[in-house]
PDB file of N, CA and C in Angstrom:
ATOM      1  N   MET A   1      39.720 -16.637 -78.553  1.00  0.00           N
ATOM      2  CA  MET A   1      40.373 -17.875 -78.913  1.00  0.00           C
ATOM      3  C   MET A   1      39.346 -18.786 -79.583  1.00  0.00           C
ATOM      4  N   THR A   2      39.607 -19.148 -80.798  1.00  0.00           N
ATOM      5  CA  THR A   2      38.664 -20.018 -81.504  1.00  0.00           C
ATOM      6  C   THR A   2      38.894 -21.487 -81.202  1.00  0.00           C
ATOM      7  N   GLU A   3      40.008 -21.801 -80.560  1.00  0.00           N
ATOM      8  CA  GLU A   3      40.298 -23.188 -80.194  1.00  0.00           C
ATOM      9  C   GLU A   3      40.782 -23.234 -78.754  1.00  0.00           C
ATOM     10  N   ARG A   4      40.470 -24.321 -78.101  1.00  0.00           N
ATOM     11  CA  ARG A   4      40.905 -24.520 -76.718  1.00  0.00           C
ATOM     12  C   ARG A   4      41.592 -25.878 -76.612  1.00  0.00           C
ATOM     13  N   SER A   5      42.422 -26.010 -75.641  1.00  0.00           N
ATOM     14  CA  SER A   5      43.137 -27.251 -75.383  1.00  0.00           C
ATOM     15  C   SER A   5      42.512 -27.939 -74.181  1.00  0.00           C
ATOM     16  N   VAL A   6      42.690 -29.244 -74.083  1.00  0.00           N
ATOM     17  CA  VAL A   6      42.190 -29.961 -72.913  1.00  0.00           C
ATOM     18  C   VAL A   6      42.889 -29.482 -71.648  1.00  0.00           C
ATOM     19  N   SER A   7      44.072 -28.903 -71.788  1.00  0.00           N
ATOM     20  CA  SER A   7      44.795 -28.405 -70.612  1.00  0.00           C
ATOM     21  C   SER A   7      44.276 -27.046 -70.138  1.00  0.00           C
ATOM     22  N   ASP A   8      43.360 -26.436 -70.883  1.00  0.00           N
ATOM     23  CA  ASP A   8      42.788 -25.151 -70.473  1.00  0.00           C
ATOM     24  C   ASP A   8      41.881 -25.299 -69.263  1.00  0.00           C
ATOM     25  N   GLY A   9      41.392 -26.489 -69.015  1.00  0.00           N
ATOM     26  CA  GLY A   9      40.514 -26.700 -67.864  1.00  0.00           C
ATOM     27  C   GLY A   9      39.162 -26.050 -68.058  1.00  0.00           C
ATOM     28  N   PHE A  10      38.528 -25.755 -66.959  1.00  0.00           N
ATOM     29  CA  PHE A  10      37.196 -25.152 -67.019  1.00  0.00           C
ATOM     30  C   PHE A  10      37.330 -23.640 -67.117  1.00  0.00           C
ATOM     31  N   VAL A  11      37.230 -23.143 -68.332  1.00  0.00           N
ATOM     32  CA  VAL A  11      37.381 -21.718 -68.613  1.00  0.00           C
ATOM     33  C   VAL A  11      36.040 -21.198 -69.100  1.00  0.00           C
ATOM     34  N   LEU A  12      35.665 -20.036 -68.618  1.00  0.00           N
ATOM     35  CA  LEU A  12      34.422 -19.432 -69.091  1.00  0.00           C
ATOM     36  C   LEU A  12      34.528 -19.118 -70.575  1.00  0.00           C
ATOM     37  N   PRO A  13      33.409 -19.130 -71.289  1.00  0.00           N
ATOM     38  CA  PRO A  13      33.455 -18.802 -72.716  1.00  0.00           C
ATOM     39  C   PRO A  13      33.855 -17.343 -72.935  1.00  0.00           C
ATOM     40  N   ASP A  14      34.394 -17.082 -74.110  1.00  0.00           N
ATOM     41  CA  ASP A  14      34.743 -15.705 -74.471  1.00  0.00           C
ATOM     42  C   ASP A  14      33.476 -14.871 -74.518  1.00  0.00           C
ATOM     43  N   ARG A  15      33.650 -13.571 -74.318  1.00  0.00           N
ATOM     44  CA  ARG A  15      32.480 -12.698 -74.277  1.00  0.00           C
ATOM     45  C   ARG A  15      32.828 -11.347 -74.887  1.00  0.00           C
ATOM     46  N   ILE A  16      31.835 -10.761 -75.532  1.00  0.00           N
ATOM     47  CA  ILE A  16      31.946  -9.393 -76.042  1.00  0.00           C
ATOM     48  C   ILE A  16      31.067  -8.530 -75.156  1.00  0.00           C
ATOM     49  N   THR A  17      31.633  -7.476 -74.611  1.00  0.00           N
ATOM     50  CA  THR A  17      30.869  -6.554 -73.772  1.00  0.00           C
ATOM     51  C   THR A  17      30.636  -5.276 -74.559  1.00  0.00           C
ATOM     52  N   ILE A  18      29.388  -4.889 -74.661  1.00  0.00           N
ATOM     53  CA  ILE A  18      29.029  -3.646 -75.341  1.00  0.00           C
ATOM     54  C   ILE A  18      28.553  -2.671 -74.268  1.00  0.00           C
ATOM     55  N   PHE A  19      29.202  -1.532 -74.186  1.00  0.00           N
ATOM     56  CA  PHE A  19      28.838  -0.557 -73.180  1.00  0.00           C
ATOM     57  C   PHE A  19      27.673   0.296 -73.687  1.00  0.00           C
ATOM     58  N   GLN A  20      26.595   0.252 -72.956  1.00  0.00           N
ATOM     59  CA  GLN A  20      25.335   0.867 -73.357  1.00  0.00           C
ATOM     60  C   GLN A  20      25.419   2.391 -73.463  1.00  0.00           C
ATOM     61  N   GLY A  21      25.996   3.023 -72.469  1.00  0.00           N
ATOM     62  CA  GLY A  21      25.993   4.481 -72.401  1.00  0.00           C
ATOM     63  C   GLY A  21      26.575   5.174 -73.622  1.00  0.00           C
ATOM     64  N   PRO A  22      27.806   4.838 -74.027  1.00  0.00           N
ATOM     65  CA  PRO A  22      28.388   5.530 -75.180  1.00  0.00           C
ATOM     66  C   PRO A  22      27.574   5.347 -76.460  1.00  0.00           C
ATOM     67  N   HIS A  23      27.044   4.153 -76.664  1.00  0.00           N
ATOM     68  CA  HIS A  23      26.236   3.919 -77.863  1.00  0.00           C
ATOM     69  C   HIS A  23      24.960   4.761 -77.821  1.00  0.00           C
ATOM     70  N   GLU A  24      24.309   4.788 -76.673  1.00  0.00           N
ATOM     71  CA  GLU A  24      23.064   5.565 -76.574  1.00  0.00           C
ATOM     72  C   GLU A  24      23.324   7.059 -76.729  1.00  0.00           C
ATOM     73  N   ARG A  25      24.442   7.543 -76.205  1.00  0.00           N
ATOM     74  CA  ARG A  25      24.733   8.979 -76.325  1.00  0.00           C
ATOM     75  C   ARG A  25      25.031   9.385 -77.765  1.00  0.00           C
ATOM     76  N   LEU A  26      25.639   8.479 -78.541  1.00  0.00           N
ATOM     77  CA  LEU A  26      26.000   8.799 -79.918  1.00  0.00           C
ATOM     78  C   LEU A  26      24.874   8.546 -80.922  1.00  0.00           C
ATOM     79  N   ALA A  27      23.929   7.706 -80.554  1.00  0.00           N
ATOM     80  CA  ALA A  27      22.875   7.321 -81.500  1.00  0.00           C
ATOM     81  C   ALA A  27      21.910   8.471 -81.765  1.00  0.00           C
ATOM     82  N   ARG A  28      21.586   8.641 -83.040  1.00  0.00           N
ATOM     83  CA  ARG A  28      20.624   9.672 -83.433  1.00  0.00           C
ATOM     84  C   ARG A  28      19.189   9.228 -83.188  1.00  0.00           C
ATOM     85  N   ASP A  29      18.950   7.923 -83.342  1.00  0.00           N
ATOM     86  CA  ASP A  29      17.621   7.354 -83.131  1.00  0.00           C
ATOM     87  C   ASP A  29      17.779   5.848 -82.907  1.00  0.00           C
ATOM     88  N   LEU A  30      16.661   5.150 -82.733  1.00  0.00           N
ATOM     89  CA  LEU A  30      16.713   3.723 -82.424  1.00  0.00           C
ATOM     90  C   LEU A  30      17.355   2.911 -83.551  1.00  0.00           C
ATOM     91  N   ASN A  31      17.060   3.242 -84.796  1.00  0.00           N
ATOM     92  CA  ASN A  31      17.665   2.507 -85.913  1.00  0.00           C
ATOM     93  C   ASN A  31      19.175   2.716 -85.971  1.00  0.00           C
ATOM     94  N   HIS A  32      19.602   3.930 -85.691  1.00  0.00           N
ATOM     95  CA  HIS A  32      21.047   4.201 -85.670  1.00  0.00           C
ATOM     96  C   HIS A  32      21.711   3.431 -84.534  1.00  0.00           C
ATOM     97  N   LEU A  33      21.047   3.346 -83.372  1.00  0.00           N
ATOM     98  CA  LEU A  33      21.577   2.577 -82.247  1.00  0.00           C
ATOM     99  C   LEU A  33      21.719   1.108 -82.630  1.00  0.00           C
ATOM    100  N   ARG A  34      20.715   0.546 -83.275  1.00  0.00           N
ATOM    101  CA  ARG A  34      20.793  -0.849 -83.728  1.00  0.00           C
ATOM    102  C   ARG A  34      21.971  -1.051 -84.675  1.00  0.00           C
ATOM    103  N   GLU A  35      22.139  -0.126 -85.596  1.00  0.00           N
ATOM    104  CA  GLU A  35      23.240  -0.218 -86.558  1.00  0.00           C
ATOM    105  C   GLU A  35      24.590  -0.146 -85.852  1.00  0.00           C
ATOM    106  N   MET A  36      24.712   0.749 -84.885  1.00  0.00           N
ATOM    107  CA  MET A  36      25.967   0.883 -84.149  1.00  0.00           C
ATOM    108  C   MET A  36      26.291  -0.387 -83.365  1.00  0.00           C
ATOM    109  N   VAL A  37      25.294  -0.981 -82.725  1.00  0.00           N
ATOM    110  CA  VAL A  37      25.523  -2.214 -81.964  1.00  0.00           C
ATOM    111  C   VAL A  37      25.907  -3.341 -82.915  1.00  0.00           C
ATOM    112  N   GLU A  38      25.210  -3.458 -84.043  1.00  0.00           N
ATOM    113  CA  GLU A  38      25.551  -4.488 -85.032  1.00  0.00           C
ATOM    114  C   GLU A  38      26.987  -4.308 -85.525  1.00  0.00           C
ATOM    115  N   ASP A  39      27.371  -3.086 -85.826  1.00  0.00           N
ATOM    116  CA  ASP A  39      28.732  -2.818 -86.297  1.00  0.00           C
ATOM    117  C   ASP A  39      29.771  -3.154 -85.230  1.00  0.00           C
ATOM    118  N   THR A  40      29.473  -2.837 -83.976  1.00  0.00           N
ATOM    119  CA  THR A  40      30.400  -3.131 -82.886  1.00  0.00           C
ATOM    120  C   THR A  40      30.588  -4.632 -82.721  1.00  0.00           C
ATOM    121  N   VAL A  41      29.490  -5.381 -82.729  1.00  0.00           N
ATOM    122  CA  VAL A  41      29.580  -6.835 -82.584  1.00  0.00           C
ATOM    123  C   VAL A  41      30.356  -7.421 -83.762  1.00  0.00           C
ATOM    124  N   TRP A  42      30.043  -6.979 -84.973  1.00  0.00           N
ATOM    125  CA  TRP A  42      30.748  -7.475 -86.162  1.00  0.00           C
ATOM    126  C   TRP A  42      32.248  -7.221 -86.025  1.00  0.00           C
ATOM    127  N   HIS A  43      32.615  -6.019 -85.611  1.00  0.00           N
ATOM    128  CA  HIS A  43      34.015  -5.620 -85.450  1.00  0.00           C
ATOM    129  C   HIS A  43      34.721  -6.529 -84.437  1.00  0.00           C
ATOM    130  N   GLU A  44      34.093  -6.753 -83.300  1.00  0.00           N
ATOM    131  CA  GLU A  44      34.719  -7.560 -82.251  1.00  0.00           C
ATOM    132  C   GLU A  44      34.784  -9.038 -82.620  1.00  0.00           C
ATOM    133  N   VAL A  45      33.804  -9.557 -83.325  1.00  0.00           N
ATOM    134  CA  VAL A  45      33.848 -10.947 -83.788  1.00  0.00           C
ATOM    135  C   VAL A  45      34.989 -11.114 -84.797  1.00  0.00           C
ATOM    136  N   ALA A  46      35.200 -10.115 -85.635  1.00  0.00           N
ATOM    137  CA  ALA A  46      36.318 -10.171 -86.580  1.00  0.00           C
ATOM    138  C   ALA A  46      37.645 -10.285 -85.828  1.00  0.00           C
ATOM    139  N   HIS A  47      37.804  -9.517 -84.746  1.00  0.00           N
ATOM    140  CA  HIS A  47      39.014  -9.640 -83.924  1.00  0.00           C
ATOM    141  C   HIS A  47      39.099 -11.038 -83.313  1.00  0.00           C
ATOM    142  N   TYR A  48      37.994 -11.561 -82.855  1.00  0.00           N
ATOM    143  CA  TYR A  48      37.955 -12.902 -82.255  1.00  0.00           C
ATOM    144  C   TYR A  48      38.513 -13.949 -83.220  1.00  0.00           C
ATOM    145  N   PHE A  49      38.195 -13.790 -84.503  1.00  0.00           N
ATOM    146  CA  PHE A  49      38.662 -14.749 -85.499  1.00  0.00           C
ATOM    147  C   PHE A  49      40.048 -14.412 -86.048  1.00  0.00           C
ATOM    148  N   GLY A  50      40.760 -13.490 -85.381  1.00  0.00           N
ATOM    149  CA  GLY A  50      42.172 -13.299 -85.669  1.00  0.00           C
ATOM    150  C   GLY A  50      42.543 -12.117 -86.536  1.00  0.00           C
ATOM    151  N   MET A  51      41.587 -11.290 -86.922  1.00  0.00           N
ATOM    152  CA  MET A  51      41.921 -10.135 -87.753  1.00  0.00           C
ATOM    153  C   MET A  51      42.496  -9.020 -86.883  1.00  0.00           C
ATOM    154  N   ASP A  52      43.565  -8.371 -87.378  1.00  0.00           N
ATOM    155  CA  ASP A  52      44.080  -7.213 -86.655  1.00  0.00           C
ATOM    156  C   ASP A  52      43.257  -5.985 -87.059  1.00  0.00           C
ATOM    157  N   GLU A  53      43.557  -4.851 -86.442  1.00  0.00           N
ATOM    158  CA  GLU A  53      42.738  -3.646 -86.666  1.00  0.00           C
ATOM    159  C   GLU A  53      42.734  -3.220 -88.133  1.00  0.00           C
ATOM    160  N   ARG A  54      43.879  -3.301 -88.798  1.00  0.00           N
ATOM    161  CA  ARG A  54      43.957  -2.918 -90.213  1.00  0.00           C
ATOM    162  C   ARG A  54      43.069  -3.823 -91.059  1.00  0.00           C
ATOM    163  N   GLN A  55      43.121  -5.118 -90.803  1.00  0.00           N
ATOM    164  CA  GLN A  55      42.302  -6.066 -91.561  1.00  0.00           C
ATOM    165  C   GLN A  55      40.813  -5.853 -91.296  1.00  0.00           C
ATOM    166  N   VAL A  56      40.472  -5.581 -90.045  1.00  0.00           N
ATOM    167  CA  VAL A  56      39.067  -5.344 -89.701  1.00  0.00           C
ATOM    168  C   VAL A  56      38.552  -4.101 -90.423  1.00  0.00           C
ATOM    169  N   ARG A  57      39.332  -3.026 -90.395  1.00  0.00           N
ATOM    170  CA  ARG A  57      38.909  -1.774 -91.059  1.00  0.00           C
ATOM    171  C   ARG A  57      38.729  -1.983 -92.565  1.00  0.00           C
ATOM    172  N   ALA A  58      39.633  -2.731 -93.177  1.00  0.00           N
ATOM    173  CA  ALA A  58      39.515  -3.007 -94.616  1.00  0.00           C
ATOM    174  C   ALA A  58      38.270  -3.846 -94.895  1.00  0.00           C
ATOM    175  N   ALA A  59      38.000  -4.823 -94.051  1.00  0.00           N
ATOM    176  CA  ALA A  59      36.809  -5.668 -94.236  1.00  0.00           C
ATOM    177  C   ALA A  59      35.539  -4.866 -94.001  1.00  0.00           C
ATOM    178  N   GLU A  60      35.572  -3.942 -93.053  1.00  0.00           N
ATOM    179  CA  GLU A  60      34.403  -3.091 -92.808  1.00  0.00           C
ATOM    180  C   GLU A  60      34.095  -2.242 -94.033  1.00  0.00           C
ATOM    181  N   PHE A  61      35.120  -1.777 -94.696  1.00  0.00           N
ATOM    182  CA  PHE A  61      34.934  -0.960 -95.889  1.00  0.00           C
ATOM    183  C   PHE A  61      34.220  -1.760 -96.990  1.00  0.00           C
ATOM    184  N   ARG A  62      34.554  -3.058 -97.079  1.00  0.00           N
ATOM    185  CA  ARG A  62      33.964  -3.920 -98.109  1.00  0.00           C
ATOM    186  C   ARG A  62      32.628  -4.531 -97.691  1.00  0.00           C
ATOM    187  N   ARG A  63      32.321  -4.446 -96.414  1.00  0.00           N
ATOM    188  CA  ARG A  63      31.135  -5.128 -95.864  1.00  0.00           C
ATOM    189  C   ARG A  63      29.839  -4.538 -96.423  1.00  0.00           C
ATOM    190  N   VAL A  64      28.944  -5.449 -96.790  1.00  0.00           N
ATOM    191  CA  VAL A  64      27.618  -5.044 -97.254  1.00  0.00           C
ATOM    192  C   VAL A  64      26.666  -5.131 -96.076  1.00  0.00           C
ATOM    193  N   LYS A  65      26.033  -4.019 -95.754  1.00  0.00           N
ATOM    194  CA  LYS A  65      25.092  -4.015 -94.620  1.00  0.00           C
ATOM    195  C   LYS A  65      23.709  -4.413 -95.130  1.00  0.00           C
ATOM    196  N   ARG A  66      23.058  -5.234 -94.334  1.00  0.00           N
ATOM    197  CA  ARG A  66      21.709  -5.670 -94.688  1.00  0.00           C
ATOM    198  C   ARG A  66      20.698  -4.929 -93.821  1.00  0.00           C
ATOM    199  N   PRO A  67      19.573  -4.555 -94.388  1.00  0.00           N
ATOM    200  CA  PRO A  67      18.560  -3.858 -93.587  1.00  0.00           C
ATOM    201  C   PRO A  67      17.958  -4.799 -92.529  1.00  0.00           C
ATOM    202  N   PHE A  68      17.480  -4.227 -91.454  1.00  0.00           N
ATOM    203  CA  PHE A  68      16.867  -5.023 -90.391  1.00  0.00           C
ATOM    204  C   PHE A  68      15.576  -5.620 -90.866  1.00  0.00           C
TER     205      PHE A  68
END
């Protein structure tokens, strides 16, 4: 939720959880692991800002990745 109402009360902030095990098992090396985590965070932030899965996938296709 990018906006909150005063009636929401004391609500914890939104959070993205990245599960370590699956990423580590799939990663070929440390750089690949970094790339996978960056892609996962980018994907989930896109959902946070209201994009559905189709929109996220299309944006990922157009996304320019920057080197670390």
